[in-house]
C-alpha atoms as a PDB file:
ATOM      1  CA  MET A   1       9.834  78.666  -0.677  1.00  0.00           C
ATOM      2  CA  SER A   2       6.577  76.749  -0.245  1.00  0.00           C
ATOM      3  CA  GLN A   3       4.892  79.234   2.148  1.00  0.00           C
ATOM      4  CA  TYR A   4       4.708  82.993   2.537  1.00  0.00           C
ATOM      5  CA  LYS A   5       3.945  83.900   6.164  1.00  0.00           C
ATOM      6  CA  THR A   6       5.499  87.330   6.778  1.00  0.00           C
ATOM      7  CA  GLY A   7       3.388  89.672   8.956  1.00  0.00           C
ATOM      8  CA  THR A   8      -0.021  88.955  10.431  1.00  0.00           C
ATOM      9  CA  VAL A   9      -3.609  89.071   9.159  1.00  0.00           C
ATOM     10  CA  THR A  10      -7.114  90.078  10.078  1.00  0.00           C
ATOM     11  CA  VAL A  11      -9.930  87.720   9.084  1.00  0.00           C
ATOM     12  CA  THR A  12     -13.673  88.114   9.556  1.00  0.00           C
ATOM     13  CA  ASN A  13     -16.157  85.287   9.795  1.00  0.00           C
ATOM     14  CA  GLY A  14     -18.351  85.244   6.698  1.00  0.00           C
ATOM     15  CA  SER A  15     -16.087  87.529   4.635  1.00  0.00           C
ATOM     16  CA  PRO A  16     -13.663  86.445   1.885  1.00  0.00           C
ATOM     17  CA  THR A  17     -11.463  89.536   2.414  1.00  0.00           C
ATOM     18  CA  VAL A  18      -8.194  89.085   4.304  1.00  0.00           C
ATOM     19  CA  THR A  19      -6.255  92.152   5.443  1.00  0.00           C
ATOM     20  CA  GLY A  20      -2.521  91.958   6.087  1.00  0.00           C
ATOM     21  CA  SER A  21      -0.127  93.857   8.313  1.00  0.00           C
ATOM     22  CA  ASN A  22       3.545  94.118   7.250  1.00  0.00           C
ATOM     23  CA  THR A  23       2.775  91.904   4.237  1.00  0.00           C
ATOM     24  CA  LEU A  24       4.096  92.093   0.666  1.00  0.00           C
ATOM     25  CA  TRP A  25       1.585  89.976  -1.162  1.00  0.00           C
ATOM     26  CA  LEU A  26       1.804  91.470  -4.650  1.00  0.00           C
ATOM     27  CA  ALA A  27       5.334  90.140  -5.161  1.00  0.00           C
ATOM     28  CA  ASN A  28       4.977  86.887  -3.264  1.00  0.00           C
ATOM     29  CA  VAL A  29       1.422  85.548  -3.646  1.00  0.00           C
ATOM     30  CA  SER A  30      -0.666  84.571  -6.689  1.00  0.00           C
ATOM     31  CA  ALA A  31      -4.272  83.640  -7.351  1.00  0.00           C
ATOM     32  CA  ALA A  32      -4.877  79.916  -6.675  1.00  0.00           C
ATOM     33  CA  ASP A  33      -2.328  79.849  -3.834  1.00  0.00           C
ATOM     34  CA  SER A  34      -3.550  78.305  -0.556  1.00  0.00           C
ATOM     35  CA  PHE A  35      -4.383  80.358   2.552  1.00  0.00           C
ATOM     36  CA  THR A  36      -4.751  79.090   6.116  1.00  0.00           C
ATOM     37  CA  ILE A  37      -4.782  80.485   9.643  1.00  0.00           C
ATOM     38  CA  ALA A  38      -2.485  78.751  12.144  1.00  0.00           C
ATOM     39  CA  GLY A  39      -4.500  76.329  14.258  1.00  0.00           C
ATOM     40  CA  ASP A  40      -7.623  76.629  12.101  1.00  0.00           C
ATOM     41  CA  GLY A  41      -7.143  73.385  10.160  1.00  0.00           C
ATOM     42  CA  VAL A  42      -8.928  74.679   7.038  1.00  0.00           C
ATOM     43  CA  MET A  43      -7.341  75.629   3.710  1.00  0.00           C
ATOM     44  CA  TYR A  44      -8.776  78.257   1.349  1.00  0.00           C
ATOM     45  CA  ASP A  45      -7.836  79.165  -2.214  1.00  0.00           C
ATOM     46  CA  VAL A  46      -6.755  82.718  -2.977  1.00  0.00           C
ATOM     47  CA  ALA A  47      -9.138  84.129  -5.600  1.00  0.00           C
ATOM     48  CA  SER A  48      -7.236  87.411  -6.138  1.00  0.00           C
ATOM     49  CA  VAL A  49      -4.309  89.407  -4.809  1.00  0.00           C
ATOM     50  CA  ASP A  50      -5.712  92.919  -4.490  1.00  0.00           C
ATOM     51  CA  SER A  51      -2.725  94.764  -2.938  1.00  0.00           C
ATOM     52  CA  ASP A  52       0.277  94.155  -0.716  1.00  0.00           C
ATOM     53  CA  THR A  53      -2.112  94.075   2.248  1.00  0.00           C
ATOM     54  CA  GLN A  54      -5.278  92.511   0.864  1.00  0.00           C
ATOM     55  CA  VAL A  55      -6.251  89.206  -0.724  1.00  0.00           C
ATOM     56  CA  THR A  56      -9.679  87.824  -1.494  1.00  0.00           C
ATOM     57  CA  LEU A  57     -10.436  84.171  -0.824  1.00  0.00           C
ATOM     58  CA  SER A  58     -12.504  81.995  -3.157  1.00  0.00           C
ATOM     59  CA  ALA A  59     -14.973  81.337  -0.310  1.00  0.00           C
ATOM     60  CA  PRO A  60     -15.976  83.298   2.797  1.00  0.00           C
ATOM     61  CA  TYR A  61     -13.795  82.678   5.821  1.00  0.00           C
ATOM     62  CA  ALA A  62     -15.660  80.217   8.062  1.00  0.00           C
ATOM     63  CA  GLY A  63     -13.506  80.470  11.170  1.00  0.00           C
ATOM     64  CA  THR A  64     -13.553  82.842  14.137  1.00  0.00           C
ATOM     65  CA  THR A  65     -12.980  86.547  13.483  1.00  0.00           C
ATOM     66  CA  ALA A  66      -9.413  87.441  14.504  1.00  0.00           C
ATOM     67  CA  SER A  67      -6.784  90.153  14.117  1.00  0.00           C
ATOM     68  CA  GLY A  68      -3.015  89.866  14.383  1.00  0.00           C
ATOM     69  CA  ALA A  69      -3.378  86.197  13.437  1.00  0.00           C
ATOM     70  CA  VAL A  70      -0.499  84.000  12.306  1.00  0.00           C
ATOM     71  CA  TYR A  71      -1.155  82.710   8.794  1.00  0.00           C
ATOM     72  CA  ALA A  72       0.485  80.916   5.885  1.00  0.00           C
ATOM     73  CA  ILE A  73      -0.049  81.099   2.136  1.00  0.00           C
ATOM     74  CA  GLY A  74       1.156  78.039   0.228  1.00  0.00           C
ATOM     75  CA  THR A  75       2.865  79.027  -3.018  1.00  0.00           C
ATOM     76  CA  SER A  76       4.469  75.794  -4.266  1.00  0.00           C
ATOM     77  CA  PHE A  77       2.564  73.071  -6.131  1.00  0.00           C
ATOM     78  CA  THR A  78       3.385  70.045  -8.248  1.00  0.00           C
ATOM     79  CA  VAL A  79       3.099  70.215 -12.047  1.00  0.00           C
ATOM     80  CA  PRO A  80       0.775  69.327 -13.709  1.00  0.00           C
ATOM     81  CA  ASP A  81      -1.475  67.976 -10.942  1.00  0.00           C
ATOM     82  CA  ASN A  82      -1.268  70.990  -8.597  1.00  0.00           C
ATOM     83  CA  PHE A  83      -0.771  69.074  -5.353  1.00  0.00           C
ATOM     84  CA  PRO A  84       0.541  71.298  -2.514  1.00  0.00           C
ATOM     85  CA  GLU A  85       4.220  70.915  -1.637  1.00  0.00           C
ATOM     86  CA  MET A  86       5.794  71.267   1.808  1.00  0.00           C
ATOM     87  CA  SER A  87       9.198  72.493   2.969  1.00  0.00           C
ATOM     88  CA  GLN A  88      11.106  72.449   6.257  1.00  0.00           C
ATOM     89  CA  GLY A  89       9.724  75.149   8.562  1.00  0.00           C
ATOM     90  CA  ASP A  90       6.207  75.188   7.106  1.00  0.00           C
ATOM     91  CA  ILE A  91       3.261  75.499   9.508  1.00  0.00           C
ATOM     92  CA  GLU A  92      -0.066  73.673   9.344  1.00  0.00           C
ATOM     93  CA  THR A  93       1.612  70.712   7.654  1.00  0.00           C
ATOM     94  CA  ALA A  94      -1.189  68.341   8.729  1.00  0.00           C
ATOM     95  CA  THR A  95      -3.721  70.602   6.991  1.00  0.00           C
ATOM     96  CA  ILE A  96      -1.557  70.735   3.860  1.00  0.00           C
ATOM     97  CA  PHE A  97      -1.090  66.959   3.858  1.00  0.00           C
ATOM     98  CA  THR A  98      -4.821  66.346   4.278  1.00  0.00           C
ATOM     99  CA  ARG A  99      -5.612  68.638   1.355  1.00  0.00           C
ATOM    100  CA  ALA A 100      -3.004  66.911  -0.814  1.00  0.00           C
ATOM    101  CA  MET A 101      -4.458  63.476  -0.007  1.00  0.00           C
ATOM    102  CA  ARG A 102      -7.979  64.664  -0.845  1.00  0.00           C
ATOM    103  CA  LYS A 103      -6.782  66.056  -4.163  1.00  0.00           C
ATOM    104  CA  ILE A 104      -5.020  62.778  -4.960  1.00  0.00           C
ATOM    105  CA  GLN A 105      -8.144  60.819  -4.011  1.00  0.00           C
ATOM    106  CA  GLY A 106     -10.249  63.053  -6.237  1.00  0.00           C
ATOM    107  CA  LYS A 107      -7.771  62.670  -9.083  1.00  0.00           C
ATOM    108  CA  PHE A 108      -7.840  58.877  -9.022  1.00  0.00           C
ATOM    109  CA  SER A 109     -11.580  58.704  -8.390  1.00  0.00           C
ATOM    110  CA  SER A 110     -12.134  60.594 -11.655  1.00  0.00           C
ATOM    111  CA  ILE A 111      -9.719  58.237 -13.403  1.00  0.00           C
ATOM    112  CA  LEU A 112     -11.191  54.981 -12.150  1.00  0.00           C
ATOM    113  CA  THR A 113     -14.905  55.825 -12.233  1.00  0.00           C
ATOM    114  CA  GLY A 114     -16.816  54.967 -15.364  1.00  0.00           C
ATOM    115  CA  GLY A 115     -15.587  51.551 -16.560  1.00  0.00           C
ATOM    116  CA  ALA A 116     -14.681  51.656 -20.252  1.00  0.00           C
ATOM    117  CA  SER A 117     -15.239  55.425 -20.320  1.00  0.00           C
ATOM    118  CA  ALA A 118     -12.873  56.074 -17.400  1.00  0.00           C
ATOM    119  CA  ASN A 119     -10.427  58.905 -18.011  1.00  0.00           C
ATOM    120  CA  PHE A 120      -7.191  56.896 -17.879  1.00  0.00           C
ATOM    121  CA  THR A 121      -5.350  59.523 -19.925  1.00  0.00           C
ATOM    122  CA  ALA A 122      -5.542  61.765 -16.842  1.00  0.00           C
ATOM    123  CA  MET A 123      -3.364  59.303 -14.946  1.00  0.00           C
ATOM    124  CA  PRO A 124       0.109  60.714 -14.118  1.00  0.00           C
ATOM    125  CA  GLN A 125       2.527  59.511 -16.778  1.00  0.00           C
ATOM    126  CA  VAL A 126       6.008  58.096 -16.281  1.00  0.00           C
ATOM    127  CA  GLY A 127       6.777  57.800 -19.980  1.00  0.00           C
ATOM    128  CA  GLY A 128       4.873  55.757 -22.521  1.00  0.00           C
ATOM    129  CA  ASP A 129       1.293  54.572 -22.276  1.00  0.00           C
ATOM    130  CA  PRO A 130       0.585  52.598 -19.100  1.00  0.00           C
ATOM    131  CA  ILE A 131      -1.396  49.368 -19.036  1.00  0.00           C
ATOM    132  CA  VAL A 132      -4.621  50.221 -17.246  1.00  0.00           C
ATOM    133  CA  GLU A 133      -6.390  46.859 -17.214  1.00  0.00           C
ATOM    134  CA  SER A 134      -5.686  43.224 -17.970  1.00  0.00           C
ATOM    135  CA  GLY A 135      -7.416  39.966 -17.225  1.00  0.00           C
ATOM    136  CA  SER A 136      -8.488  36.555 -18.435  1.00  0.00           C
ATOM    137  CA  ASN A 137     -11.525  34.324 -18.672  1.00  0.00           C
ATOM    138  CA  ALA A 138     -12.564  31.167 -20.532  1.00  0.00           C
ATOM    139  CA  ASP A 139     -12.262  33.038 -23.858  1.00  0.00           C
ATOM    140  CA  GLY A 140      -8.630  34.071 -23.354  1.00  0.00           C
ATOM    141  CA  GLU A 141      -6.594  37.000 -22.080  1.00  0.00           C
ATOM    142  CA  TRP A 142      -6.792  40.745 -22.748  1.00  0.00           C
ATOM    143  CA  THR A 143      -4.693  43.844 -22.102  1.00  0.00           C
ATOM    144  CA  ARG A 144      -5.796  47.485 -22.307  1.00  0.00           C
ATOM    145  CA  TRP A 145      -3.573  50.567 -22.591  1.00  0.00           C
ATOM    146  CA  SER A 146      -4.441  54.134 -21.583  1.00  0.00           C
ATOM    147  CA  ASP A 147      -4.211  55.340 -25.198  1.00  0.00           C
ATOM    148  CA  GLY A 148      -7.166  53.072 -26.086  1.00  0.00           C
ATOM    149  CA  LYS A 149      -5.301  50.110 -27.604  1.00  0.00           C
ATOM    150  CA  GLN A 150      -6.463  46.593 -26.718  1.00  0.00           C
ATOM    151  CA  THR A 151      -5.082  43.158 -27.512  1.00  0.00           C
ATOM    152  CA  CYS A 152      -6.755  39.782 -26.978  1.00  0.00           C
ATOM    153  CA  GLU A 153      -5.356  36.255 -27.186  1.00  0.00           C
ATOM    154  CA  SER A 154      -7.500  33.141 -27.384  1.00  0.00           C
ATOM    155  CA  PRO A 155      -6.645  29.855 -25.693  1.00  0.00           C
ATOM    156  CA  GLN A 156      -5.464  27.033 -27.942  1.00  0.00           C
ATOM    157  CA  THR A 157      -8.736  25.616 -29.231  1.00  0.00           C
ATOM    158  CA  ALA A 158      -9.665  22.388 -30.988  1.00  0.00           C
ATOM    159  CA  MET A 159     -11.691  22.931 -34.148  1.00  0.00           C
ATOM    160  CA  SER A 160     -15.060  21.679 -35.323  1.00  0.00           C
ATOM    161  CA  PHE A 161     -15.863  20.052 -38.659  1.00  0.00           C
ATOM    162  CA  GLU A 162     -18.107  22.385 -40.657  1.00  0.00           C
ATOM    163  CA  ASN A 163     -17.842  20.769 -44.084  1.00  0.00           C
ATOM    164  CA  LYS A 164     -15.244  19.241 -46.390  1.00  0.00           C
ATOM    165  CA  ALA A 165     -13.814  22.689 -47.072  1.00  0.00           C
ATOM    166  CA  ASN A 166     -13.758  24.059 -43.515  1.00  0.00           C
ATOM    167  CA  ILE A 167     -12.725  23.106 -40.016  1.00  0.00           C
ATOM    168  CA  ASN A 168     -12.861  26.009 -37.560  1.00  0.00           C
ATOM    169  CA  PHE A 169     -13.796  27.368 -34.154  1.00  0.00           C
ATOM    170  CA  SER A 170     -15.855  30.372 -33.111  1.00  0.00           C
ATOM    171  CA  TRP A 171     -13.967  32.761 -30.811  1.00  0.00           C
ATOM    172  CA  GLY A 172     -15.750  35.237 -28.582  1.00  0.00           C
ATOM    173  CA  TYR A 173     -13.123  37.752 -27.442  1.00  0.00           C
ATOM    174  CA  PRO A 174     -12.440  37.855 -23.691  1.00  0.00           C
ATOM    175  CA  ALA A 175     -13.129  41.632 -23.852  1.00  0.00           C
ATOM    176  CA  ALA A 176     -15.090  43.491 -26.532  1.00  0.00           C
ATOM    177  CA  PHE A 177     -13.619  46.105 -28.871  1.00  0.00           C
ATOM    178  CA  ILE A 178     -15.209  49.458 -29.700  1.00  0.00           C
ATOM    179  CA  SER A 179     -14.597  48.911 -33.424  1.00  0.00           C
ATOM    180  CA  THR A 180     -13.714  45.928 -35.620  1.00  0.00           C
ATOM    181  CA  PRO A 181     -10.182  44.724 -34.705  1.00  0.00           C
ATOM    182  CA  THR A 182      -7.492  43.037 -36.748  1.00  0.00           C
ATOM    183  CA  VAL A 183      -7.515  39.274 -36.100  1.00  0.00           C
ATOM    184  CA  VAL A 184      -4.662  36.911 -36.919  1.00  0.00           C
ATOM    185  CA  PRO A 185      -5.039  33.080 -36.994  1.00  0.00           C
ATOM    186  CA  ILE A 186      -2.277  30.883 -35.577  1.00  0.00           C
ATOM    187  CA  LEU A 187      -1.999  27.156 -36.241  1.00  0.00           C
ATOM    188  CA  VAL A 188      -0.514  25.371 -33.230  1.00  0.00           C
ATOM    189  CA  TYR A 189       1.193  22.323 -34.677  1.00  0.00           C
ATOM    190  CA  PRO A 190       3.327  20.101 -32.429  1.00  0.00           C
ATOM    191  CA  ASP A 191       2.430  17.238 -34.755  1.00  0.00           C
ATOM    192  CA  PHE A 192       1.022  19.302 -37.638  1.00  0.00           C
ATOM    193  CA  TYR A 193      -1.905  18.352 -39.792  1.00  0.00           C
ATOM    194  CA  PRO A 194      -0.708  15.777 -42.372  1.00  0.00           C
ATOM    195  CA  LYS A 195      -3.130  17.166 -44.928  1.00  0.00           C
ATOM    196  CA  TYR A 196      -2.084  20.731 -44.189  1.00  0.00           C
ATOM    197  CA  ARG A 197       1.559  19.761 -44.556  1.00  0.00           C
ATOM    198  CA  THR A 198       1.106  18.022 -47.910  1.00  0.00           C
ATOM    199  CA  THR A 199      -1.616  20.140 -49.559  1.00  0.00           C
ATOM    200  CA  THR A 200      -0.826  23.424 -51.280  1.00  0.00           C
ATOM    201  CA  THR A 201      -4.480  24.474 -51.410  1.00  0.00           C
ATOM    202  CA  THR A 202      -5.009  24.550 -47.624  1.00  0.00           C
ATOM    203  CA  LEU A 203      -4.920  27.898 -45.818  1.00  0.00           C
ATOM    204  CA  GLN A 204      -5.635  29.529 -42.475  1.00  0.00           C
ATOM    205  CA  TYR A 205      -8.437  32.071 -42.400  1.00  0.00           C
ATOM    206  CA  VAL A 206     -10.456  34.453 -40.267  1.00  0.00           C
ATOM    207  CA  ARG A 207     -14.019  35.399 -41.193  1.00  0.00           C
ATOM    208  CA  LEU A 208     -17.096  37.088 -39.738  1.00  0.00           C
ATOM    209  CA  ILE A 209     -14.916  39.448 -37.704  1.00  0.00           C
ATOM    210  CA  SER A 210     -16.930  41.672 -35.365  1.00  0.00           C
ATOM    211  CA  THR A 211     -16.333  43.744 -32.228  1.00  0.00           C
ATOM    212  CA  THR A 212     -17.133  40.697 -30.066  1.00  0.00           C
ATOM    213  CA  GLY A 213     -15.735  37.708 -31.926  1.00  0.00           C
ATOM    214  CA  ALA A 214     -14.587  35.943 -35.101  1.00  0.00           C
ATOM    215  CA  ILE A 215     -14.416  32.520 -36.738  1.00  0.00           C
ATOM    216  CA  ILE A 216     -10.928  31.068 -37.164  1.00  0.00           C
ATOM    217  CA  GLY A 217     -10.158  28.011 -39.191  1.00  0.00           C
ATOM    218  CA  LEU A 218      -8.470  26.048 -41.946  1.00  0.00           C
ATOM    219  CA  ALA A 219      -9.875  25.870 -45.461  1.00  0.00           C
ATOM    220  CA  SER A 220      -9.097  23.238 -48.086  1.00  0.00           C
ATOM    221  CA  ASP A 221     -10.281  22.232 -51.550  1.00  0.00           C
ATOM    222  CA  GLY A 222     -12.675  19.667 -50.044  1.00  0.00           C
ATOM    223  CA  MET A 223     -10.215  17.356 -48.300  1.00  0.00           C
ATOM    224  CA  TRP A 224     -11.432  17.545 -44.679  1.00  0.00           C
ATOM    225  CA  ILE A 225     -13.267  14.729 -42.958  1.00  0.00           C
ATOM    226  CA  GLN A 226     -14.860  14.687 -39.492  1.00  0.00           C
ATOM    227  CA  ALA A 227     -11.754  13.204 -37.858  1.00  0.00           C
ATOM    228  CA  ASP A 228      -9.555  16.110 -39.004  1.00  0.00           C
ATOM    229  CA  ALA A 229     -11.194  18.411 -36.443  1.00  0.00           C
ATOM    230  CA  ALA A 230      -9.435  16.459 -33.680  1.00  0.00           C
ATOM    231  CA  GLY A 231      -6.017  17.461 -34.991  1.00  0.00           C
ATOM    232  CA  ASP A 232      -3.757  20.223 -33.753  1.00  0.00           C
ATOM    233  CA  PRO A 233      -5.569  23.266 -32.293  1.00  0.00           C
ATOM    234  CA  MET A 234      -5.661  26.832 -33.529  1.00  0.00           C
ATOM    235  CA  GLN A 235      -5.397  30.140 -31.731  1.00  0.00           C
ATOM    236  CA  GLY A 236      -6.370  33.759 -32.450  1.00  0.00           C
ATOM    237  CA  LEU A 237      -4.779  37.121 -31.744  1.00  0.00           C
ATOM    238  CA  ALA A 238      -6.833  40.322 -32.009  1.00  0.00           C
ATOM    239  CA  SER A 239      -5.641  43.934 -31.886  1.00  0.00           C
ATOM    240  CA  GLY A 240      -7.850  47.017 -31.862  1.00  0.00           C
ATOM    241  CA  ARG A 241      -9.280  49.677 -29.595  1.00  0.00           C
ATOM    242  CA  TRP A 242     -11.336  49.575 -26.399  1.00  0.00           C
ATOM    243  CA  LYS A 243     -12.084  53.318 -26.410  1.00  0.00           C
END
């Protein structure tokens, strides 16, 4: 049963007290249920159930004073979001639907307002942690999850010659992290560096890792020359938290 509507009621403009006739509210109505008068188009919350024939609303009744009025008290709501439910035979369904839509709008407004501080964990869950944002720019691609995890991937990038021991590139993440992430270098080698292939003292590295970027490169024991920077590109993967 989504509504209790047995009997009739008396309501008074400006008063939160509703008096029932032939009503059994103690057994069928609870605080936080929804009260409305047929044809009024306004929904009120029940603040307390005082007796079988009296309830108190959470706000004064704003409609016209009436006695013997047809009413409905909504008693069924979704869990955990508390949206009103409807059943066949309910009255004032347009009023119920409007209230449900406003509650849904309010729910998602609170989720989506605030950028990085938005309350995505309040989003209704269907198992797991949903992706709440993803995108790309010149610095790569990023994905954010509601639990706060973030991953970033750089584009394949040609390196610069720094000195005989280092060729590298500076990567600014496509989206910043809230704390220092883990960054992994990847050598993209369709042809492979000849020196990298034949030298045991060459290694991939990441250094100067921060919340906004890192330097990714190849180190050697002094074998690099300027032309080596034009070889196969490198790429970076970063994993950390956005909130």
